[in-house]
Amino acid sequence: MYIYQFSNGLVFLADPISWAESVSYVISIPFGSIFDPVGVEGLAAVLCDMTTRGAGGKTSRQFLESFEHLGCETSESVGLFDTWFRASVLPDNLLPSIELSAAQILRPHFDRRQLEPARQVIAQEIYSLEDDLQQRMMLELQHNFLPYPLGRSGLGTIETIDNITIDLLTKNHASLFQPNGTVFCIAGKFEIEQVQDKINDLFASWQPKQFVLPKEKIIGETAVYIPSNSEQTYIGAVYPSVPFGAEGYMLAQCSVGILSGGTSCRLFSELREKRGLCYSVSASYSALRDRAAVYCYCGASTEHAQETLNVLLSELDRLRF
């Protein structure tokens, strides 16, 4: 693995694979949903979508077609702390693809005519949650367990995304998109020096900025009920765990495997096989920068919901040692 940091703070990670027939890269920028101001939650998600709607002197259609003509497969996504731009392409078309990605990151148009379509993309994701009760339950679990703003949904609400303006997008892009903390990671068939020189040419003028993580505050409840007309009841539970790399991390991971490591794990065995209480049950480890948690999920019929919850909590208590 080759690692290099440019003078403006951008980090370059490279893993050449000579036998590969393609190359993939990811650009991670430290701008995520935790930076969304109150009242415009979902701003990072809309901003990310808007970067695909014209950049670097190309209209929305021209920009997307440029990637397609290179045979480059791309995607973008927003997390709590970061926004990711991904691309996979054949080696011969790598450098033009990086040029397009740089334009997308540094010089998006933020065309006012594209704002409403971008809003609608995020709105459809919000509306889809109405039909996905499991996802709604897990988001509510996260909202109440994690301190604000870590626990809030990155999609925002219909009301908050309607408050997003072009001026607000432009301001946040200018102030929060920065090279310090950005990582350009590439793997596959490529020449390190060639790619490093291209990154330097495209991103050298990108100036570092100062940013402060939002202050956290506890706002959640220990128990939440979401009424629904569904024939099933979705049950979730969460408890703190050992952060990645901390002492006891491997032990914590093993404990999750005991709970939810396959058909012989405790949750599946006790809730489904022995008692037939639920049709789906799992536990998963989730880590942030300085904390971690284990999220548990059960999908049961309404008449078995209380017993399912009781057995779940009993198994979690039995795991203590």
Protein backbone atom coordinates (compact mmCIF):
# COMPACT_ATOMS: atom_id res chain seq x y z
CA MET A 1 0.00 0.00 0.00
CA TYR A 2 1.38 3.38 -1.07
CA ILE A 3 0.45 6.43 1.06
CA TYR A 4 1.14 10.08 0.25
CA GLN A 5 -0.24 13.32 1.69
CA PHE A 6 -0.39 16.46 -0.45
CA SER A 7 0.43 19.88 0.98
CA ASN A 8 -3.26 20.83 1.26
CA GLY A 9 -4.00 17.76 3.41
CA LEU A 10 -5.50 15.42 0.80
CA VAL A 11 -4.33 11.84 1.37
CA PHE A 12 -3.58 9.50 -1.54
CA LEU A 13 -3.79 5.73 -0.96
CA ALA A 14 -2.78 3.42 -3.80
CA ASP A 15 -2.79 -0.35 -4.18
CA PRO A 16 -1.58 -1.34 -7.68
CA ILE A 17 -2.70 -4.80 -8.86
CA SER A 18 -0.81 -5.68 -12.02
CA TRP A 19 -3.00 -8.61 -13.01
CA ALA A 20 -6.28 -6.69 -12.69
CA GLU A 21 -8.20 -5.73 -15.82
CA SER A 22 -9.91 -2.68 -14.30
CA VAL A 23 -9.36 0.00 -11.70
CA SER A 24 -11.60 1.47 -9.01
CA TYR A 25 -11.25 4.55 -6.86
CA VAL A 26 -13.12 6.19 -4.01
CA ILE A 27 -12.90 9.82 -2.94
CA SER A 28 -14.05 10.34 0.65
CA ILE A 29 -14.75 13.94 1.71
CA PRO A 30 -15.35 14.81 5.39
CA PHE A 31 -18.79 16.32 4.79
CA GLY A 32 -21.73 14.30 6.08
CA SER A 33 -25.23 14.67 7.44
CA ILE A 34 -24.07 15.70 10.92
CA PHE A 35 -23.22 19.12 9.40
CA ASP A 36 -26.82 19.72 8.22
CA PRO A 37 -28.12 22.87 9.96
CA VAL A 38 -31.31 22.62 12.00
CA GLY A 39 -34.34 23.09 9.77
CA VAL A 40 -32.62 21.90 6.59
CA GLU A 41 -31.84 18.29 7.51
CA GLY A 42 -31.20 16.37 4.31
CA LEU A 43 -29.00 19.14 2.89
CA ALA A 44 -25.94 16.88 2.52
CA ALA A 45 -28.04 14.32 0.65
CA VAL A 46 -29.45 16.92 -1.74
CA LEU A 47 -25.99 18.46 -2.24
CA CYS A 48 -24.54 15.08 -3.12
CA ASP A 49 -27.27 14.50 -5.71
CA MET A 50 -26.78 17.98 -7.16
CA THR A 51 -23.11 17.26 -7.90
CA THR A 52 -24.29 14.79 -10.57
CA ARG A 53 -26.47 17.42 -12.28
CA GLY A 54 -23.87 19.33 -14.23
CA ALA A 55 -20.27 20.20 -13.40
CA GLY A 56 -17.09 21.59 -14.95
CA GLY A 57 -18.83 23.35 -17.84
CA LYS A 58 -21.00 20.35 -18.75
CA THR A 59 -24.77 20.23 -18.46
CA SER A 60 -26.41 17.51 -16.41
CA ARG A 61 -26.89 15.29 -19.46
CA GLN A 62 -23.43 15.99 -20.87
CA PHE A 63 -21.79 15.25 -17.55
CA LEU A 64 -23.48 11.88 -17.10
CA GLU A 65 -22.91 10.93 -20.74
CA SER A 66 -19.20 11.73 -20.37
CA PHE A 67 -18.88 9.05 -17.70
CA GLU A 68 -20.92 6.64 -19.83
CA HIS A 69 -18.75 7.20 -22.92
CA LEU A 70 -15.72 6.25 -20.83
CA GLY A 71 -17.45 3.08 -19.65
CA CYS A 72 -17.12 4.38 -16.11
CA GLU A 73 -19.52 3.11 -13.47
CA THR A 74 -20.06 5.69 -10.72
CA SER A 75 -22.01 6.14 -7.50
CA GLU A 76 -22.28 8.66 -4.71
CA SER A 77 -23.49 8.37 -1.13
CA VAL A 78 -23.62 10.35 2.11
CA GLY A 79 -22.88 9.10 5.62
CA LEU A 80 -22.79 10.74 9.02
CA PHE A 81 -19.28 12.15 8.66
CA ASP A 82 -18.36 11.73 4.99
CA THR A 83 -19.54 11.87 1.39
CA TRP A 84 -18.19 9.21 -1.00
CA PHE A 85 -17.67 9.40 -4.76
CA ARG A 86 -16.92 5.98 -6.31
CA ALA A 87 -15.89 4.98 -9.82
CA SER A 88 -14.80 1.82 -11.67
CA VAL A 89 -13.33 1.97 -15.16
CA LEU A 90 -10.89 0.32 -17.57
CA PRO A 91 -7.27 1.49 -17.10
CA ASP A 92 -7.11 3.33 -20.45
CA ASN A 93 -9.94 5.63 -19.35
CA LEU A 94 -8.81 6.21 -15.77
CA LEU A 95 -7.32 9.70 -16.07
CA PRO A 96 -10.32 11.25 -17.93
CA SER A 97 -12.59 9.68 -15.30
CA ILE A 98 -10.59 11.29 -12.49
CA GLU A 99 -10.92 14.63 -14.30
CA LEU A 100 -14.70 14.27 -14.31
CA SER A 101 -14.76 13.30 -10.63
CA ALA A 102 -12.64 16.35 -9.79
CA ALA A 103 -15.08 18.60 -11.65
CA GLN A 104 -17.99 16.96 -9.82
CA ILE A 105 -16.37 17.67 -6.45
CA LEU A 106 -14.79 21.06 -7.07
CA ARG A 107 -17.04 22.72 -9.68
CA PRO A 108 -20.65 21.51 -9.52
CA HIS A 109 -23.08 23.90 -11.20
CA PHE A 110 -25.91 23.93 -8.66
CA ASP A 111 -28.36 24.77 -11.43
CA ARG A 112 -31.59 26.15 -9.96
CA ARG A 113 -33.59 24.17 -12.53
CA GLN A 114 -32.16 20.95 -11.11
CA LEU A 115 -32.97 21.66 -7.45
CA GLU A 116 -36.55 20.38 -7.49
CA PRO A 117 -35.64 17.10 -9.27
CA ALA A 118 -32.89 16.59 -6.68
CA ARG A 119 -35.37 17.24 -3.88
CA GLN A 120 -37.75 14.69 -5.40
CA VAL A 121 -35.05 12.01 -5.42
CA ILE A 122 -34.58 12.42 -1.65
CA ALA A 123 -38.34 12.75 -1.10
CA GLN A 124 -38.93 9.38 -2.76
CA GLU A 125 -36.44 7.79 -0.38
CA ILE A 126 -38.31 9.34 2.55
CA TYR A 127 -41.69 8.16 1.25
CA SER A 128 -40.31 4.65 0.71
CA LEU A 129 -39.75 4.35 4.47
CA GLU A 130 -43.52 4.37 4.96
CA ASP A 131 -43.62 0.92 3.36
CA ASP A 132 -40.45 -0.34 5.08
CA LEU A 133 -41.40 -0.73 8.72
CA GLN A 134 -38.20 -2.58 9.58
CA GLN A 135 -36.08 0.30 8.32
CA ARG A 136 -38.30 2.84 10.09
CA MET A 137 -37.87 0.93 13.33
CA MET A 138 -34.09 0.77 12.98
CA LEU A 139 -33.88 4.49 12.21
CA GLU A 140 -35.97 5.26 15.29
CA LEU A 141 -33.72 3.00 17.34
CA GLN A 142 -30.67 4.88 16.09
CA HIS A 143 -32.34 8.25 16.68
CA ASN A 144 -33.01 7.48 20.33
CA PHE A 145 -29.78 5.66 21.12
CA LEU A 146 -27.22 8.01 19.58
CA PRO A 147 -26.84 11.63 20.70
CA TYR A 148 -28.00 14.40 18.39
CA PRO A 149 -27.01 14.93 15.58
CA LEU A 150 -25.50 11.43 15.18
CA GLY A 151 -28.85 9.72 15.51
CA ARG A 152 -30.93 11.73 13.07
CA SER A 153 -31.75 10.49 9.58
CA GLY A 154 -29.51 11.85 6.84
CA LEU A 155 -32.56 12.11 4.56
CA GLY A 156 -34.26 14.73 6.69
CA THR A 157 -38.01 15.18 6.22
CA ILE A 158 -40.23 16.44 3.41
CA GLU A 159 -40.51 19.76 5.25
CA THR A 160 -36.77 20.22 5.79
CA ILE A 161 -35.69 19.38 2.24
CA ASP A 162 -38.26 21.91 0.97
CA ASN A 163 -36.30 24.55 2.92
CA ILE A 164 -33.08 23.84 1.01
CA THR A 165 -32.09 26.57 -1.46
CA ILE A 166 -29.38 26.93 -4.11
CA ASP A 167 -27.72 29.65 -2.06
CA LEU A 168 -27.56 27.33 0.96
CA LEU A 169 -26.09 24.51 -1.14
CA THR A 170 -23.49 26.83 -2.63
CA LYS A 171 -22.53 28.21 0.78
CA ASN A 172 -22.15 24.79 2.40
CA HIS A 173 -20.20 23.41 -0.54
CA ALA A 174 -17.79 26.35 -0.39
CA SER A 175 -17.31 26.17 3.37
CA LEU A 176 -17.39 22.43 4.09
CA PHE A 177 -15.93 20.66 1.05
CA GLN A 178 -12.22 20.64 1.87
CA PRO A 179 -9.05 18.69 1.06
CA ASN A 180 -7.97 18.33 4.69
CA GLY A 181 -9.52 15.05 5.74
CA THR A 182 -10.24 13.98 2.15
CA VAL A 183 -8.90 10.59 1.05
CA PHE A 184 -8.38 9.45 -2.55
CA CYS A 185 -8.09 5.65 -2.54
CA ILE A 186 -7.42 3.64 -5.70
CA ALA A 187 -6.87 -0.05 -6.44
CA GLY A 188 -6.41 -2.02 -9.65
CA LYS A 189 -4.27 -1.65 -12.76
CA PHE A 190 -2.64 1.79 -12.89
CA GLU A 191 0.66 3.66 -12.58
CA ILE A 192 1.11 5.34 -9.20
CA GLU A 193 3.15 8.30 -10.41
CA GLN A 194 0.78 8.98 -13.29
CA VAL A 195 -2.27 9.04 -11.02
CA GLN A 196 -0.50 11.03 -8.31
CA ASP A 197 0.53 13.70 -10.83
CA LYS A 198 -3.03 13.90 -12.15
CA ILE A 199 -4.45 14.33 -8.64
CA ASN A 200 -1.88 17.04 -7.93
CA ASP A 201 -2.82 18.88 -11.14
CA LEU A 202 -6.55 18.72 -10.40
CA PHE A 203 -6.66 19.25 -6.63
CA ALA A 204 -3.52 21.28 -5.80
CA SER A 205 -5.41 24.61 -5.76
CA TRP A 206 -8.08 23.22 -3.40
CA GLN A 207 -7.56 25.17 -0.18
CA PRO A 208 -7.88 23.58 3.29
CA LYS A 209 -10.53 24.94 5.64
CA GLN A 210 -11.29 24.91 9.32
CA PHE A 211 -14.35 23.00 10.48
CA VAL A 212 -15.74 22.02 13.86
CA LEU A 213 -17.87 18.97 14.55
CA PRO A 214 -21.33 19.84 15.91
CA LYS A 215 -21.85 19.53 19.65
CA GLU A 216 -23.67 16.41 20.76
CA LYS A 217 -26.68 16.27 23.05
CA ILE A 218 -28.81 13.44 24.38
CA ILE A 219 -32.43 13.68 23.27
CA GLY A 220 -33.62 10.06 22.98
CA GLU A 221 -35.98 7.85 24.96
CA THR A 222 -35.30 4.36 26.32
CA ALA A 223 -38.48 2.84 24.85
CA VAL A 224 -40.41 3.88 21.77
CA TYR A 225 -43.54 2.47 20.16
CA ILE A 226 -44.51 3.21 16.54
CA PRO A 227 -48.14 2.28 15.82
CA SER A 228 -48.93 0.59 12.50
CA ASN A 229 -51.62 -1.53 10.86
CA SER A 230 -49.08 -4.14 9.84
CA GLU A 231 -49.71 -7.85 10.50
CA GLN A 232 -46.18 -8.11 11.91
CA THR A 233 -44.46 -6.47 14.83
CA TYR A 234 -40.87 -5.32 14.43
CA ILE A 235 -38.78 -5.29 17.60
CA GLY A 236 -35.41 -3.62 17.98
CA ALA A 237 -32.95 -3.31 20.83
CA VAL A 238 -29.53 -1.69 21.02
CA TYR A 239 -26.75 -1.61 23.58
CA PRO A 240 -23.28 0.01 23.66
CA SER A 241 -20.27 -2.07 22.66
CA VAL A 242 -16.48 -1.75 22.39
CA PRO A 243 -15.23 0.73 19.73
CA PHE A 244 -13.09 -0.53 16.87
CA GLY A 245 -9.49 -1.13 17.94
CA ALA A 246 -10.10 -0.62 21.66
CA GLU A 247 -9.24 -3.20 24.29
CA GLY A 248 -11.86 -5.93 24.25
CA TYR A 249 -12.88 -5.26 20.63
CA MET A 250 -12.32 -8.84 19.46
CA LEU A 251 -14.22 -10.18 22.47
CA ALA A 252 -17.13 -7.89 21.61
CA GLN A 253 -17.11 -9.16 18.03
CA CYS A 254 -17.12 -12.75 19.25
CA SER A 255 -20.13 -12.03 21.44
CA VAL A 256 -22.07 -10.78 18.41
CA GLY A 257 -21.14 -14.00 16.62
CA ILE A 258 -22.56 -15.98 19.54
CA LEU A 259 -25.80 -14.05 19.27
CA SER A 260 -26.15 -13.97 15.50
CA GLY A 261 -23.54 -16.11 13.77
CA GLY A 262 -25.85 -18.43 11.81
CA THR A 263 -28.54 -21.04 12.39
CA SER A 264 -26.72 -22.34 15.49
CA CYS A 265 -26.50 -18.93 17.16
CA ARG A 266 -28.41 -18.22 20.35
CA LEU A 267 -31.01 -15.81 19.01
CA PHE A 268 -31.99 -18.00 16.07
CA SER A 269 -31.97 -21.13 18.21
CA GLU A 270 -33.92 -19.75 21.16
CA LEU A 271 -36.45 -17.54 19.41
CA ARG A 272 -37.12 -19.35 16.16
CA GLU A 273 -36.15 -23.01 16.40
CA LYS A 274 -37.11 -23.78 20.00
CA ARG A 275 -40.11 -21.47 20.42
CA GLY A 276 -41.17 -20.53 16.90
CA LEU A 277 -41.72 -16.93 18.01
CA CYS A 278 -40.36 -15.05 15.02
CA TYR A 279 -39.56 -15.46 11.35
CA SER A 280 -36.47 -13.26 11.38
CA VAL A 281 -33.91 -12.38 14.06
CA SER A 282 -30.40 -10.93 13.98
CA ALA A 283 -27.79 -8.89 15.81
CA SER A 284 -25.11 -6.73 14.17
CA TYR A 285 -22.14 -4.66 15.30
CA SER A 286 -21.97 -1.02 14.21
CA ALA A 287 -19.06 1.33 14.88
CA LEU A 288 -18.52 5.07 14.57
CA ARG A 289 -15.26 6.91 15.14
CA ASP A 290 -15.28 6.79 18.93
CA ARG A 291 -18.16 4.51 19.88
CA ALA A 292 -19.89 1.30 18.91
CA ALA A 293 -23.14 -0.53 19.48
CA VAL A 294 -24.90 -3.82 18.82
CA TYR A 295 -28.29 -3.54 17.12
CA CYS A 296 -30.74 -6.43 17.52
CA TYR A 297 -33.80 -7.05 15.38
CA CYS A 298 -36.75 -9.44 15.52
CA GLY A 299 -39.73 -9.73 13.20
CA ALA A 300 -42.66 -11.50 14.87
CA SER A 301 -46.41 -11.87 14.70
CA THR A 302 -48.38 -9.49 16.89
CA GLU A 303 -49.54 -12.20 19.30
CA HIS A 304 -45.97 -13.31 19.94
CA ALA A 305 -44.44 -9.84 20.20
CA GLN A 306 -44.19 -9.56 23.99
CA GLU A 307 -42.80 -13.07 24.46
CA THR A 308 -40.32 -12.43 21.65
CA LEU A 309 -39.10 -9.29 23.39
CA ASN A 310 -38.84 -11.09 26.72
CA VAL A 311 -36.74 -13.91 25.28
CA LEU A 312 -34.54 -11.45 23.36
CA LEU A 313 -33.76 -9.47 26.50
CA SER A 314 -33.18 -12.70 28.42
CA GLU A 315 -30.61 -13.86 25.87
CA LEU A 316 -28.83 -10.51 25.97
CA ASP A 317 -28.70 -10.72 29.76
CA ARG A 318 -27.43 -14.33 29.60
CA LEU A 319 -24.54 -13.22 27.40
CA ARG A 320 -22.99 -11.13 30.17
CA PHE A 321 -19.78 -12.51 31.62
